[in-house]
Amino acid sequence: MADVAVRRGWPVDVHPLPPLLHNRPERIAAAVERRVRELGPHYARVAVGYAGCGTRGALDEVCHRLGVPRLPGSDCYEVFAGAARLRAVLETEPGTYLLTDYLVTSFHRSVVVELGLDRFPQLREDYFGHYRRAVWLAQHPTAALRAAAGRAAGVLGLPLEEVVVGDALLERALEELLAMGRRRQRRASR
């Protein structure tokens, strides 16, 4: 997100939450609420850079209650790939494990360590035995990221497919998020 804001010259400050919250989606809404309340007095507009992310509507409830917009979509995969493209990827092979640029670079910490596979590698089959392939939704494919994606798929014991999605849909979603924030601010100042 910060990369898009810099590239577009948007006067945006990004205040990230710990990415490992994605491993505990039931904690996302509360963490977002705390951060929005902390930032609210310091900014004219605040927006949430999360999709639904497994919060089962809790994030939407927080955003609605606090009057802040959030990224559209059910998860980051949908934000990057778009709903139709993601649906096509998953319909082709329902047993697809999805990766993003962030996830391939943090795979060891976010997946291996968090699931205890570094200590109990025999659990790999229990966790991932039903998957048939890994698909990397590549935002910025580079040789280094491609190698990291290959390593992640290797840990999972899955063949890797690369689908280049770029960040145009993220950029469009952020642009709309900023526009929604401006509209809400204008309505509030009337």
Protein backbone atom coordinates (compact mmCIF):
# COMPACT_ATOMS: atom_id res chain seq x y z
CA MET A 1 0.00 0.00 0.00
CA ALA A 2 2.73 2.43 0.92
CA ASP A 3 4.42 1.73 -2.44
CA VAL A 4 1.23 2.66 -4.31
CA ALA A 5 0.78 5.82 -2.24
CA VAL A 6 4.36 6.93 -2.93
CA ARG A 7 4.08 6.15 -6.65
CA ARG A 8 0.82 8.11 -6.91
CA GLY A 9 2.06 10.98 -4.75
CA TRP A 10 -0.82 10.59 -2.31
CA PRO A 11 -0.35 12.35 1.03
CA VAL A 12 -1.05 9.16 2.96
CA ASP A 13 0.50 7.82 6.13
CA VAL A 14 0.38 4.05 6.49
CA HIS A 15 0.14 2.66 10.03
CA PRO A 16 0.43 -1.11 9.70
CA LEU A 17 -0.77 -3.65 12.18
CA PRO A 18 1.19 -6.84 12.81
CA PRO A 19 0.79 -9.03 9.71
CA LEU A 20 0.57 -12.15 11.86
CA LEU A 21 -2.93 -11.00 12.81
CA HIS A 22 -3.96 -12.80 9.62
CA ASN A 23 -3.22 -16.03 11.48
CA ARG A 24 -5.73 -14.98 14.14
CA PRO A 25 -8.51 -13.21 12.20
CA GLU A 26 -10.72 -13.09 15.29
CA ARG A 27 -8.28 -10.45 16.64
CA ILE A 28 -8.25 -8.19 13.57
CA ALA A 29 -11.41 -6.16 14.26
CA ALA A 30 -10.35 -5.24 17.81
CA ALA A 31 -6.84 -4.32 16.67
CA VAL A 32 -8.22 -2.18 13.86
CA GLU A 33 -10.64 -0.47 16.23
CA ARG A 34 -7.82 0.38 18.66
CA ARG A 35 -5.66 1.77 15.84
CA VAL A 36 -8.48 3.83 14.30
CA ARG A 37 -9.30 5.32 17.71
CA GLU A 38 -5.60 6.13 18.27
CA LEU A 39 -5.25 7.78 14.85
CA GLY A 40 -8.62 9.53 14.68
CA PRO A 41 -7.64 12.63 16.66
CA HIS A 42 -4.52 13.10 14.52
CA TYR A 43 -6.01 12.81 11.02
CA ALA A 44 -8.87 14.37 9.12
CA ARG A 45 -9.58 11.00 7.46
CA VAL A 46 -8.78 7.43 8.39
CA ALA A 47 -9.32 4.39 6.19
CA VAL A 48 -8.69 0.70 6.82
CA GLY A 49 -6.37 -1.19 4.50
CA TYR A 50 -7.84 -4.61 5.27
CA ALA A 51 -10.29 -6.65 3.24
CA GLY A 52 -12.63 -8.95 5.20
CA CYS A 53 -9.64 -11.18 6.07
CA GLY A 54 -11.63 -13.93 7.77
CA THR A 55 -13.22 -11.64 10.35
CA ARG A 56 -16.73 -12.94 9.58
CA GLY A 57 -18.23 -9.47 9.45
CA ALA A 58 -16.62 -8.20 12.66
CA LEU A 59 -14.35 -5.81 10.73
CA ASP A 60 -17.30 -4.47 8.76
CA GLU A 61 -19.18 -3.84 12.00
CA VAL A 62 -16.22 -1.91 13.46
CA CYS A 63 -15.74 0.14 10.29
CA HIS A 64 -19.44 0.94 10.09
CA ARG A 65 -19.61 1.93 13.76
CA LEU A 66 -16.51 4.14 13.48
CA GLY A 67 -17.51 5.57 10.11
CA VAL A 68 -14.34 4.52 8.29
CA PRO A 69 -14.13 2.81 4.91
CA ARG A 70 -12.13 -0.36 4.32
CA LEU A 71 -10.74 -2.12 1.27
CA PRO A 72 -13.36 -4.08 -0.64
CA GLY A 73 -13.34 -7.83 -0.90
CA SER A 74 -13.30 -10.86 1.29
CA ASP A 75 -9.50 -11.16 1.49
CA CYS A 76 -6.23 -9.82 0.08
CA TYR A 77 -6.25 -12.46 -2.66
CA GLU A 78 -9.45 -10.94 -4.01
CA VAL A 79 -8.03 -7.42 -3.70
CA PHE A 80 -4.99 -8.40 -5.79
CA ALA A 81 -6.56 -10.79 -8.31
CA GLY A 82 -10.15 -9.56 -8.49
CA ALA A 83 -13.16 -11.67 -7.56
CA ALA A 84 -13.72 -13.20 -11.01
CA ARG A 85 -10.08 -14.13 -11.57
CA LEU A 86 -9.73 -15.58 -8.09
CA ARG A 87 -12.91 -17.59 -8.54
CA ALA A 88 -11.53 -18.98 -11.82
CA VAL A 89 -8.25 -19.97 -10.14
CA LEU A 90 -10.09 -21.79 -7.36
CA GLU A 91 -12.66 -23.40 -9.65
CA THR A 92 -9.86 -24.81 -11.79
CA GLU A 93 -8.43 -26.55 -8.72
CA PRO A 94 -10.30 -26.19 -5.40
CA GLY A 95 -7.25 -27.59 -3.60
CA THR A 96 -5.22 -24.44 -4.24
CA TYR A 97 -2.98 -22.85 -1.61
CA LEU A 98 -2.65 -19.15 -2.41
CA LEU A 99 0.50 -17.09 -1.96
CA THR A 100 1.13 -13.36 -2.29
CA ASP A 101 4.41 -11.47 -2.53
CA TYR A 102 4.27 -10.79 1.19
CA LEU A 103 3.53 -14.40 2.02
CA VAL A 104 6.36 -15.80 -0.08
CA THR A 105 8.85 -13.47 1.61
CA SER A 106 7.54 -14.22 5.10
CA PHE A 107 6.56 -17.85 4.57
CA HIS A 108 9.02 -19.32 7.05
CA ARG A 109 7.89 -17.01 9.86
CA SER A 110 4.20 -16.71 8.93
CA VAL A 111 3.53 -20.35 8.13
CA VAL A 112 6.37 -22.70 9.08
CA VAL A 113 7.07 -21.23 12.53
CA GLU A 114 3.47 -20.27 13.30
CA LEU A 115 2.21 -23.78 12.53
CA GLY A 116 5.15 -25.42 14.30
CA LEU A 117 6.42 -27.13 11.16
CA ASP A 118 9.97 -26.18 12.10
CA ARG A 119 9.60 -28.33 15.23
CA PHE A 120 7.12 -30.93 13.94
CA PRO A 121 7.61 -31.35 10.18
CA GLN A 122 5.42 -34.45 10.23
CA LEU A 123 2.42 -32.11 10.58
CA ARG A 124 2.86 -30.90 6.99
CA GLU A 125 0.63 -33.64 5.63
CA ASP A 126 -2.04 -32.93 8.26
CA TYR A 127 -2.11 -29.24 7.38
CA PHE A 128 -1.55 -29.34 3.63
CA GLY A 129 -2.33 -32.87 2.47
CA HIS A 130 -5.59 -31.84 0.81
CA TYR A 131 -3.95 -29.16 -1.33
CA ARG A 132 -2.99 -30.03 -4.91
CA ARG A 133 -1.07 -26.93 -5.99
CA ALA A 134 0.26 -23.58 -4.82
CA VAL A 135 -0.60 -20.48 -6.84
CA TRP A 136 1.48 -17.38 -6.36
CA LEU A 137 -0.59 -14.27 -7.10
CA ALA A 138 2.47 -12.26 -8.07
CA GLN A 139 2.19 -8.52 -7.62
CA HIS A 140 5.80 -7.72 -8.52
CA PRO A 141 7.43 -10.89 -9.86
CA THR A 142 11.20 -10.87 -9.55
CA ALA A 143 13.76 -13.65 -9.60
CA ALA A 144 14.13 -13.39 -5.82
CA LEU A 145 10.39 -13.59 -5.20
CA ARG A 146 10.05 -16.42 -7.72
CA ALA A 147 12.72 -18.35 -5.81
CA ALA A 148 10.96 -17.63 -2.50
CA ALA A 149 7.65 -18.82 -3.97
CA GLY A 150 9.38 -21.99 -5.13
CA ARG A 151 10.78 -22.59 -1.65
CA ALA A 152 7.35 -22.07 -0.08
CA ALA A 153 5.71 -24.49 -2.51
CA GLY A 154 8.54 -26.93 -1.82
CA VAL A 155 7.87 -26.82 1.92
CA LEU A 156 4.23 -27.57 1.15
CA GLY A 157 5.21 -30.34 -1.25
CA LEU A 158 3.13 -28.74 -4.00
CA PRO A 159 3.72 -27.75 -7.61
CA LEU A 160 3.85 -23.98 -8.05
CA GLU A 161 1.97 -21.91 -10.60
CA GLU A 162 2.53 -18.19 -11.04
CA VAL A 163 -0.33 -15.87 -11.89
CA VAL A 164 0.84 -12.30 -12.43
CA VAL A 165 -1.80 -9.97 -10.98
CA GLY A 166 0.22 -6.78 -10.45
CA ASP A 167 -1.13 -4.17 -8.10
CA ALA A 168 -3.51 -2.29 -10.41
CA LEU A 169 -6.60 -3.61 -8.61
CA LEU A 170 -5.09 -2.71 -5.24
CA GLU A 171 -4.31 0.74 -6.58
CA ARG A 172 -7.87 1.16 -7.84
CA ALA A 173 -9.26 -0.02 -4.48
CA LEU A 174 -7.02 2.41 -2.60
CA GLU A 175 -8.08 5.23 -4.90
CA GLU A 176 -11.73 4.46 -4.16
CA LEU A 177 -10.96 4.20 -0.45
CA LEU A 178 -9.45 7.69 -0.52
CA ALA A 179 -12.43 9.02 -2.47
CA MET A 180 -14.86 7.49 0.04
CA GLY A 181 -12.91 9.07 2.88
CA ARG A 182 -13.08 12.48 1.19
CA ARG A 183 -16.84 12.13 0.63
CA ARG A 184 -17.40 11.16 4.28
CA GLN A 185 -15.29 14.08 5.44
CA ARG A 186 -17.29 16.53 3.28
CA ARG A 187 -20.60 15.15 4.61
CA ALA A 188 -19.36 15.40 8.20
CA SER A 189 -18.28 19.02 7.76
CA ARG A 190 -21.68 20.17 6.52
